[in-house]
Amino acid sequence: MNYLSETKSTRIATALETMILDNTLKSGTFLPSQQLLAEQFQTSSRPIREALKLLEAKGLVIITQGRRAQIRSNNLDQYVESLSTTLVNSPISTGKLMRNLMQVRISVATSAAREFTRLQDREAYLAQLWRASNTMEAALPKIFKKDAQGLKMFQDAENEFHQILINANGNQILICIYDNLAPMLVTALNAIKFTPAQIEKRVRDYSYLCEALQNGQTDLAVALVLVTLTTLENKVIDRYPDDSAVAYA
């Protein structure tokens, strides 16, 4: 396994990153010179240069030859991007990472289902959910014929369904976190083989969920989200057991 080691440069980068993200170091300002940073962190110039390169890779600073590093941004999107990068580079197994990602999806989706009846634009979100659900149902005949196009049609509609439900949650921080982490989870789910019968059951569950949201049956809606996503989580765990190590470049 090839985990990222906690070197002096990564510790310095983490310290500077924290100051950037908590607004101690303002966007657009310049960091101290490499010499001053070396004195501050009681190290040589090499770990400082490496730390700045790590920050540059995350998009947190701009490095221009002959000038001090400039802080690029500390807005929400940059924070979430940095957080996501840190998470996926953490030295944990694939199974652990995928379990964490599924828990994020479950938490946000159940919260969205619980609050759905209180939404002012509830009908608009519901119409979008029904459209995604109907698309999944329309894909079933092709899936039973083992048509790859039908499977992709279903997968795209299922991903869209969850995105709509999570957008309805209205929490911009959670939405941003989900948007940054979902692609990895989607890739993992798409790699798992499901039988046509299993997919057909998921399609029915999404239809029942739409009906529950439409009828204001909050408890039933939350239960359906939990059942559907927990079933998917179990499939992910089976596919990626906790002892399967991974490293991200």
C-alpha atoms as a PDB file:
ATOM      1  CA  MET A   1       0.000   0.000   0.000  1.00  0.00           C
ATOM      2  CA  ASN A   2       1.212   3.451  -0.876  1.00  0.00           C
ATOM      3  CA  TYR A   3      -0.228   5.853   1.659  1.00  0.00           C
ATOM      4  CA  LEU A   4       0.731   9.486   1.782  1.00  0.00           C
ATOM      5  CA  SER A   5       3.162   9.848   4.661  1.00  0.00           C
ATOM      6  CA  GLU A   6       2.808  12.564   7.289  1.00  0.00           C
ATOM      7  CA  THR A   7       6.032  14.372   6.396  1.00  0.00           C
ATOM      8  CA  LYS A   8       7.200  17.724   7.713  1.00  0.00           C
ATOM      9  CA  SER A   9       6.029  19.378   4.486  1.00  0.00           C
ATOM     10  CA  THR A  10       2.511  17.911   4.795  1.00  0.00           C
ATOM     11  CA  ARG A  11       2.274  19.088   8.425  1.00  0.00           C
ATOM     12  CA  ILE A  12       3.293  22.592   7.382  1.00  0.00           C
ATOM     13  CA  ALA A  13       0.840  22.524   4.469  1.00  0.00           C
ATOM     14  CA  THR A  14      -1.954  21.400   6.815  1.00  0.00           C
ATOM     15  CA  ALA A  15      -1.186  24.218   9.265  1.00  0.00           C
ATOM     16  CA  LEU A  16      -1.218  26.845   6.503  1.00  0.00           C
ATOM     17  CA  GLU A  17      -4.345  25.329   4.956  1.00  0.00           C
ATOM     18  CA  THR A  18      -6.182  25.612   8.272  1.00  0.00           C
ATOM     19  CA  MET A  19      -5.270  29.302   8.533  1.00  0.00           C
ATOM     20  CA  ILE A  20      -6.459  29.895   4.970  1.00  0.00           C
ATOM     21  CA  LEU A  21      -9.763  28.072   5.410  1.00  0.00           C
ATOM     22  CA  ASP A  22     -10.633  29.681   8.753  1.00  0.00           C
ATOM     23  CA  ASN A  23      -9.930  33.110   7.210  1.00  0.00           C
ATOM     24  CA  THR A  24      -6.912  33.838   9.417  1.00  0.00           C
ATOM     25  CA  LEU A  25      -5.036  34.294   6.147  1.00  0.00           C
ATOM     26  CA  LYS A  26      -7.202  36.365   3.801  1.00  0.00           C
ATOM     27  CA  SER A  27      -7.873  35.653   0.151  1.00  0.00           C
ATOM     28  CA  GLY A  28      -5.658  37.764  -2.098  1.00  0.00           C
ATOM     29  CA  THR A  29      -2.974  38.413   0.518  1.00  0.00           C
ATOM     30  CA  PHE A  30       0.560  37.065   0.346  1.00  0.00           C
ATOM     31  CA  LEU A  31       2.185  34.522   2.607  1.00  0.00           C
ATOM     32  CA  PRO A  32       5.453  35.452   4.322  1.00  0.00           C
ATOM     33  CA  SER A  33       8.629  34.754   2.379  1.00  0.00           C
ATOM     34  CA  GLN A  34       9.941  31.205   2.325  1.00  0.00           C
ATOM     35  CA  GLN A  35      12.756  32.286   4.637  1.00  0.00           C
ATOM     36  CA  LEU A  36      10.341  33.683   7.213  1.00  0.00           C
ATOM     37  CA  LEU A  37       8.127  30.598   6.935  1.00  0.00           C
ATOM     38  CA  ALA A  38      11.180  28.389   7.480  1.00  0.00           C
ATOM     39  CA  GLU A  39      12.002  30.352  10.646  1.00  0.00           C
ATOM     40  CA  GLN A  40       8.365  30.200  11.798  1.00  0.00           C
ATOM     41  CA  PHE A  41       8.186  26.419  11.380  1.00  0.00           C
ATOM     42  CA  GLN A  42      11.777  25.876  12.480  1.00  0.00           C
ATOM     43  CA  THR A  43      12.823  24.031   9.359  1.00  0.00           C
ATOM     44  CA  SER A  44      14.829  24.439   6.170  1.00  0.00           C
ATOM     45  CA  SER A  45      13.563  25.925   2.943  1.00  0.00           C
ATOM     46  CA  ARG A  46      12.960  22.583   1.224  1.00  0.00           C
ATOM     47  CA  PRO A  47       9.931  21.478   3.347  1.00  0.00           C
ATOM     48  CA  ILE A  48       8.488  24.981   2.890  1.00  0.00           C
ATOM     49  CA  ARG A  49       8.757  24.722  -0.899  1.00  0.00           C
ATOM     50  CA  GLU A  50       7.161  21.278  -0.821  1.00  0.00           C
ATOM     51  CA  ALA A  51       4.352  22.520   1.454  1.00  0.00           C
ATOM     52  CA  LEU A  52       3.631  25.411  -0.908  1.00  0.00           C
ATOM     53  CA  LYS A  53       3.483  22.986  -3.817  1.00  0.00           C
ATOM     54  CA  LEU A  54       0.906  20.932  -1.926  1.00  0.00           C
ATOM     55  CA  LEU A  55      -1.192  24.037  -1.317  1.00  0.00           C
ATOM     56  CA  GLU A  56      -0.850  25.010  -4.962  1.00  0.00           C
ATOM     57  CA  ALA A  57      -2.075  21.550  -6.024  1.00  0.00           C
ATOM     58  CA  LYS A  58      -5.187  22.082  -3.897  1.00  0.00           C
ATOM     59  CA  GLY A  59      -5.754  25.458  -5.513  1.00  0.00           C
ATOM     60  CA  LEU A  60      -5.278  27.367  -2.270  1.00  0.00           C
ATOM     61  CA  VAL A  61      -2.271  29.464  -3.314  1.00  0.00           C
ATOM     62  CA  ILE A  62      -0.791  30.877  -6.508  1.00  0.00           C
ATOM     63  CA  ILE A  63       2.968  30.524  -6.892  1.00  0.00           C
ATOM     64  CA  THR A  64       4.697  32.946  -9.247  1.00  0.00           C
ATOM     65  CA  GLN A  65       8.450  32.984  -9.750  1.00  0.00           C
ATOM     66  CA  GLY A  66      10.118  35.815  -7.862  1.00  0.00           C
ATOM     67  CA  ARG A  67       7.067  36.563  -5.703  1.00  0.00           C
ATOM     68  CA  ARG A  68       5.677  35.305  -2.429  1.00  0.00           C
ATOM     69  CA  ALA A  69       2.861  32.771  -2.624  1.00  0.00           C
ATOM     70  CA  GLN A  70      -0.547  34.453  -2.865  1.00  0.00           C
ATOM     71  CA  ILE A  71      -3.664  33.044  -1.234  1.00  0.00           C
ATOM     72  CA  ARG A  72      -6.089  32.216  -3.976  1.00  0.00           C
ATOM     73  CA  SER A  73      -9.433  31.703  -2.274  1.00  0.00           C
ATOM     74  CA  ASN A  74     -11.113  30.778   0.967  1.00  0.00           C
ATOM     75  CA  ASN A  75     -14.738  30.583  -0.145  1.00  0.00           C
ATOM     76  CA  LEU A  76     -17.070  27.640   0.429  1.00  0.00           C
ATOM     77  CA  ASP A  77     -16.371  25.882  -2.855  1.00  0.00           C
ATOM     78  CA  GLN A  78     -12.621  26.041  -2.243  1.00  0.00           C
ATOM     79  CA  TYR A  79     -13.094  24.764   1.294  1.00  0.00           C
ATOM     80  CA  VAL A  80     -15.163  21.815   0.137  1.00  0.00           C
ATOM     81  CA  GLU A  81     -12.722  20.999  -2.660  1.00  0.00           C
ATOM     82  CA  SER A  82      -9.854  21.019  -0.184  1.00  0.00           C
ATOM     83  CA  LEU A  83     -11.847  18.960   2.321  1.00  0.00           C
ATOM     84  CA  SER A  84     -12.691  16.420  -0.353  1.00  0.00           C
ATOM     85  CA  THR A  85      -9.067  16.184  -1.478  1.00  0.00           C
ATOM     86  CA  THR A  86      -7.967  15.618   2.113  1.00  0.00           C
ATOM     87  CA  LEU A  87     -10.590  12.921   2.639  1.00  0.00           C
ATOM     88  CA  VAL A  88      -9.807  10.882  -0.456  1.00  0.00           C
ATOM     89  CA  ASN A  89      -6.073  11.079   0.279  1.00  0.00           C
ATOM     90  CA  SER A  90      -6.508   9.833   3.833  1.00  0.00           C
ATOM     91  CA  PRO A  91      -4.762   6.510   4.579  1.00  0.00           C
ATOM     92  CA  ILE A  92      -7.909   4.380   4.917  1.00  0.00           C
ATOM     93  CA  SER A  93      -9.166   1.315   3.095  1.00  0.00           C
ATOM     94  CA  THR A  94     -11.419   1.578   0.081  1.00  0.00           C
ATOM     95  CA  GLY A  95     -14.208  -0.047   2.069  1.00  0.00           C
ATOM     96  CA  LYS A  96     -13.908   2.519   4.855  1.00  0.00           C
ATOM     97  CA  LEU A  97     -13.879   5.392   2.385  1.00  0.00           C
ATOM     98  CA  MET A  98     -16.909   4.071   0.500  1.00  0.00           C
ATOM     99  CA  ARG A  99     -18.759   3.453   3.754  1.00  0.00           C
ATOM    100  CA  ASN A 100     -18.102   7.086   4.736  1.00  0.00           C
ATOM    101  CA  LEU A 101     -19.344   8.325   1.365  1.00  0.00           C
ATOM    102  CA  MET A 102     -22.504   6.225   1.627  1.00  0.00           C
ATOM    103  CA  GLN A 103     -23.122   7.585   5.127  1.00  0.00           C
ATOM    104  CA  VAL A 104     -22.886  11.120   3.754  1.00  0.00           C
ATOM    105  CA  ARG A 105     -25.438  10.272   1.085  1.00  0.00           C
ATOM    106  CA  ILE A 106     -27.762   8.535   3.566  1.00  0.00           C
ATOM    107  CA  SER A 107     -27.599  11.396   6.084  1.00  0.00           C
ATOM    108  CA  VAL A 108     -28.247  14.115   3.524  1.00  0.00           C
ATOM    109  CA  ALA A 109     -30.953  12.184   1.651  1.00  0.00           C
ATOM    110  CA  THR A 110     -32.883  11.232   4.788  1.00  0.00           C
ATOM    111  CA  SER A 111     -32.688  14.837   5.989  1.00  0.00           C
ATOM    112  CA  ALA A 112     -34.052  15.997   2.626  1.00  0.00           C
ATOM    113  CA  ALA A 113     -36.909  13.474   2.778  1.00  0.00           C
ATOM    114  CA  ARG A 114     -37.740  14.532   6.337  1.00  0.00           C
ATOM    115  CA  GLU A 115     -37.924  18.218   5.410  1.00  0.00           C
ATOM    116  CA  PHE A 116     -39.558  17.741   2.005  1.00  0.00           C
ATOM    117  CA  THR A 117     -43.128  18.555   3.054  1.00  0.00           C
ATOM    118  CA  ARG A 118     -41.969  21.948   4.373  1.00  0.00           C
ATOM    119  CA  LEU A 119     -40.445  23.062   1.075  1.00  0.00           C
ATOM    120  CA  GLN A 120     -42.040  26.040  -0.607  1.00  0.00           C
ATOM    121  CA  ASP A 121     -41.084  24.753  -4.079  1.00  0.00           C
ATOM    122  CA  ARG A 122     -42.001  21.183  -3.165  1.00  0.00           C
ATOM    123  CA  GLU A 123     -44.074  20.586  -6.322  1.00  0.00           C
ATOM    124  CA  ALA A 124     -41.194  21.540  -8.630  1.00  0.00           C
ATOM    125  CA  TYR A 125     -38.797  19.131  -6.910  1.00  0.00           C
ATOM    126  CA  LEU A 126     -41.457  16.421  -6.877  1.00  0.00           C
ATOM    127  CA  ALA A 127     -41.994  16.778 -10.625  1.00  0.00           C
ATOM    128  CA  GLN A 128     -38.260  16.339 -11.191  1.00  0.00           C
ATOM    129  CA  LEU A 129     -38.182  13.264  -8.949  1.00  0.00           C
ATOM    130  CA  TRP A 130     -41.098  11.699 -10.800  1.00  0.00           C
ATOM    131  CA  ARG A 131     -39.388  12.365 -14.121  1.00  0.00           C
ATOM    132  CA  ALA A 132     -36.204  10.611 -12.956  1.00  0.00           C
ATOM    133  CA  SER A 133     -38.252   7.728 -11.520  1.00  0.00           C
ATOM    134  CA  ASN A 134     -40.186   7.306 -14.789  1.00  0.00           C
ATOM    135  CA  THR A 135     -36.910   7.312 -16.741  1.00  0.00           C
ATOM    136  CA  MET A 136     -35.617   4.486 -14.559  1.00  0.00           C
ATOM    137  CA  GLU A 137     -38.807   2.529 -15.174  1.00  0.00           C
ATOM    138  CA  ALA A 138     -38.537   3.113 -18.926  1.00  0.00           C
ATOM    139  CA  ALA A 139     -35.021   1.649 -18.852  1.00  0.00           C
ATOM    140  CA  LEU A 140     -36.165  -1.686 -17.390  1.00  0.00           C
ATOM    141  CA  PRO A 141     -37.167  -3.432 -20.654  1.00  0.00           C
ATOM    142  CA  LYS A 142     -33.714  -2.710 -22.091  1.00  0.00           C
ATOM    143  CA  ILE A 143     -32.012  -3.905 -18.914  1.00  0.00           C
ATOM    144  CA  PHE A 144     -33.873  -7.229 -19.057  1.00  0.00           C
ATOM    145  CA  LYS A 145     -32.630  -7.552 -22.655  1.00  0.00           C
ATOM    146  CA  LYS A 146     -29.091  -6.958 -21.330  1.00  0.00           C
ATOM    147  CA  ASP A 147     -28.826  -3.731 -23.303  1.00  0.00           C
ATOM    148  CA  ALA A 148     -25.890  -1.647 -21.979  1.00  0.00           C
ATOM    149  CA  GLN A 149     -27.659   1.526 -23.072  1.00  0.00           C
ATOM    150  CA  GLY A 150     -30.594   0.688 -20.819  1.00  0.00           C
ATOM    151  CA  LEU A 151     -28.300   0.157 -17.826  1.00  0.00           C
ATOM    152  CA  LYS A 152     -26.611   3.519 -18.391  1.00  0.00           C
ATOM    153  CA  MET A 153     -30.021   5.148 -18.763  1.00  0.00           C
ATOM    154  CA  PHE A 154     -31.031   3.715 -15.387  1.00  0.00           C
ATOM    155  CA  GLN A 155     -27.770   4.681 -13.678  1.00  0.00           C
ATOM    156  CA  ASP A 156     -27.913   8.261 -14.934  1.00  0.00           C
ATOM    157  CA  ALA A 157     -31.541   8.631 -13.842  1.00  0.00           C
ATOM    158  CA  GLU A 158     -30.816   7.120 -10.415  1.00  0.00           C
ATOM    159  CA  ASN A 159     -27.907   9.490  -9.864  1.00  0.00           C
ATOM    160  CA  GLU A 160     -30.091  12.386 -10.976  1.00  0.00           C
ATOM    161  CA  PHE A 161     -32.806  11.282  -8.533  1.00  0.00           C
ATOM    162  CA  HIS A 162     -30.430  11.462  -5.574  1.00  0.00           C
ATOM    163  CA  GLN A 163     -28.985  14.773  -6.760  1.00  0.00           C
ATOM    164  CA  ILE A 164     -32.494  16.286  -6.959  1.00  0.00           C
ATOM    165  CA  LEU A 165     -33.408  14.994  -3.505  1.00  0.00           C
ATOM    166  CA  ILE A 166     -30.189  16.328  -1.995  1.00  0.00           C
ATOM    167  CA  ASN A 167     -30.571  19.710  -3.728  1.00  0.00           C
ATOM    168  CA  ALA A 168     -34.015  19.907  -2.152  1.00  0.00           C
ATOM    169  CA  ASN A 169     -32.313  19.697   1.232  1.00  0.00           C
ATOM    170  CA  GLY A 170     -31.273  23.328   0.735  1.00  0.00           C
ATOM    171  CA  ASN A 171     -28.126  23.100   2.873  1.00  0.00           C
ATOM    172  CA  GLN A 172     -25.433  24.584   0.635  1.00  0.00           C
ATOM    173  CA  ILE A 173     -22.534  23.161   2.637  1.00  0.00           C
ATOM    174  CA  LEU A 174     -23.902  19.615   2.459  1.00  0.00           C
ATOM    175  CA  ILE A 175     -24.785  20.048  -1.211  1.00  0.00           C
ATOM    176  CA  CYS A 176     -21.234  21.179  -2.004  1.00  0.00           C
ATOM    177  CA  ILE A 177     -19.728  18.306  -0.037  1.00  0.00           C
ATOM    178  CA  TYR A 178     -21.992  15.829  -1.823  1.00  0.00           C
ATOM    179  CA  ASP A 179     -21.222  17.326  -5.238  1.00  0.00           C
ATOM    180  CA  ASN A 180     -17.492  16.926  -4.636  1.00  0.00           C
ATOM    181  CA  LEU A 181     -17.611  13.410  -3.214  1.00  0.00           C
ATOM    182  CA  ALA A 182     -20.475  11.870  -5.218  1.00  0.00           C
ATOM    183  CA  PRO A 183     -18.520  11.166  -8.438  1.00  0.00           C
ATOM    184  CA  MET A 184     -16.271   8.685  -6.631  1.00  0.00           C
ATOM    185  CA  LEU A 185     -19.265   6.950  -5.064  1.00  0.00           C
ATOM    186  CA  VAL A 186     -21.143   6.873  -8.372  1.00  0.00           C
ATOM    187  CA  THR A 187     -18.130   5.273 -10.063  1.00  0.00           C
ATOM    188  CA  ALA A 188     -17.992   2.624  -7.333  1.00  0.00           C
ATOM    189  CA  LEU A 189     -21.717   1.864  -7.582  1.00  0.00           C
ATOM    190  CA  ASN A 190     -21.608   1.641 -11.367  1.00  0.00           C
ATOM    191  CA  ALA A 191     -18.863  -0.987 -11.084  1.00  0.00           C
ATOM    192  CA  ILE A 192     -21.111  -3.263  -9.010  1.00  0.00           C
ATOM    193  CA  LYS A 193     -23.148  -5.896 -10.861  1.00  0.00           C
ATOM    194  CA  PHE A 194     -26.850  -5.908 -10.054  1.00  0.00           C
ATOM    195  CA  THR A 195     -29.349  -8.398 -11.432  1.00  0.00           C
ATOM    196  CA  PRO A 196     -32.285  -7.058 -13.465  1.00  0.00           C
ATOM    197  CA  ALA A 197     -34.607  -8.164 -10.644  1.00  0.00           C
ATOM    198  CA  GLN A 198     -32.617  -6.146  -8.084  1.00  0.00           C
ATOM    199  CA  ILE A 199     -32.744  -3.083 -10.317  1.00  0.00           C
ATOM    200  CA  GLU A 200     -36.480  -3.554 -10.856  1.00  0.00           C
ATOM    201  CA  LYS A 201     -37.014  -3.557  -7.077  1.00  0.00           C
ATOM    202  CA  ARG A 202     -35.028  -0.310  -6.761  1.00  0.00           C
ATOM    203  CA  VAL A 203     -37.194   1.252  -9.460  1.00  0.00           C
ATOM    204  CA  ARG A 204     -40.337   0.289  -7.516  1.00  0.00           C
ATOM    205  CA  ASP A 205     -38.875   1.723  -4.308  1.00  0.00           C
ATOM    206  CA  TYR A 206     -38.141   5.054  -6.015  1.00  0.00           C
ATOM    207  CA  SER A 207     -41.703   5.157  -7.296  1.00  0.00           C
ATOM    208  CA  TYR A 208     -43.041   4.425  -3.786  1.00  0.00           C
ATOM    209  CA  LEU A 209     -40.784   7.176  -2.448  1.00  0.00           C
ATOM    210  CA  CYS A 210     -42.240   9.683  -4.894  1.00  0.00           C
ATOM    211  CA  GLU A 211     -45.745   8.659  -3.843  1.00  0.00           C
ATOM    212  CA  ALA A 212     -44.879   9.023  -0.156  1.00  0.00           C
ATOM    213  CA  LEU A 213     -43.392  12.499  -0.723  1.00  0.00           C
ATOM    214  CA  GLN A 214     -46.400  13.476  -2.813  1.00  0.00           C
ATOM    215  CA  ASN A 215     -48.830  12.347  -0.109  1.00  0.00           C
ATOM    216  CA  GLY A 216     -46.878  13.995   2.712  1.00  0.00           C
ATOM    217  CA  GLN A 217     -46.035  10.633   4.338  1.00  0.00           C
ATOM    218  CA  THR A 218     -42.761  11.789   5.850  1.00  0.00           C
ATOM    219  CA  ASP A 219     -42.027   8.733   8.009  1.00  0.00           C
ATOM    220  CA  LEU A 220     -42.636   6.381   5.098  1.00  0.00           C
ATOM    221  CA  ALA A 221     -40.463   8.513   2.794  1.00  0.00           C
ATOM    222  CA  VAL A 222     -37.577   8.488   5.277  1.00  0.00           C
ATOM    223  CA  ALA A 223     -37.937   4.728   5.742  1.00  0.00           C
ATOM    224  CA  LEU A 224     -37.847   4.152   1.972  1.00  0.00           C
ATOM    225  CA  VAL A 225     -34.715   6.283   1.600  1.00  0.00           C
ATOM    226  CA  LEU A 226     -33.047   4.350   4.411  1.00  0.00           C
ATOM    227  CA  VAL A 227     -34.011   0.965   2.975  1.00  0.00           C
ATOM    228  CA  THR A 228     -32.890   1.835  -0.558  1.00  0.00           C
ATOM    229  CA  LEU A 229     -29.601   3.443   0.398  1.00  0.00           C
ATOM    230  CA  THR A 230     -28.742   0.942   3.118  1.00  0.00           C
ATOM    231  CA  THR A 231     -29.196  -1.845   0.569  1.00  0.00           C
ATOM    232  CA  LEU A 232     -26.798  -0.025  -1.758  1.00  0.00           C
ATOM    233  CA  GLU A 233     -24.392   0.553   1.128  1.00  0.00           C
ATOM    234  CA  ASN A 234     -24.319  -3.175   1.842  1.00  0.00           C
ATOM    235  CA  LYS A 235     -23.534  -3.862  -1.813  1.00  0.00           C
ATOM    236  CA  VAL A 236     -20.694  -1.334  -1.670  1.00  0.00           C
ATOM    237  CA  ILE A 237     -19.312  -2.923   1.501  1.00  0.00           C
ATOM    238  CA  ASP A 238     -19.463  -6.385  -0.111  1.00  0.00           C
ATOM    239  CA  ARG A 239     -17.630  -5.045  -3.164  1.00  0.00           C
ATOM    240  CA  TYR A 240     -15.041  -3.087  -1.150  1.00  0.00           C
ATOM    241  CA  PRO A 241     -14.299  -4.832   2.176  1.00  0.00           C
ATOM    242  CA  ASP A 242     -12.538  -2.829   4.892  1.00  0.00           C
ATOM    243  CA  ASP A 243      -9.225  -4.613   4.380  1.00  0.00           C
ATOM    244  CA  SER A 244      -8.902  -3.518   0.732  1.00  0.00           C
ATOM    245  CA  ALA A 245      -6.316  -0.758   0.804  1.00  0.00           C
ATOM    246  CA  VAL A 246      -6.232   2.126  -1.620  1.00  0.00           C
ATOM    247  CA  ALA A 247      -4.035   5.118  -2.326  1.00  0.00           C
ATOM    248  CA  TYR A 248      -4.994   8.120  -4.415  1.00  0.00           C
ATOM    249  CA  ALA A 249      -2.397  10.022  -6.387  1.00  0.00           C
END
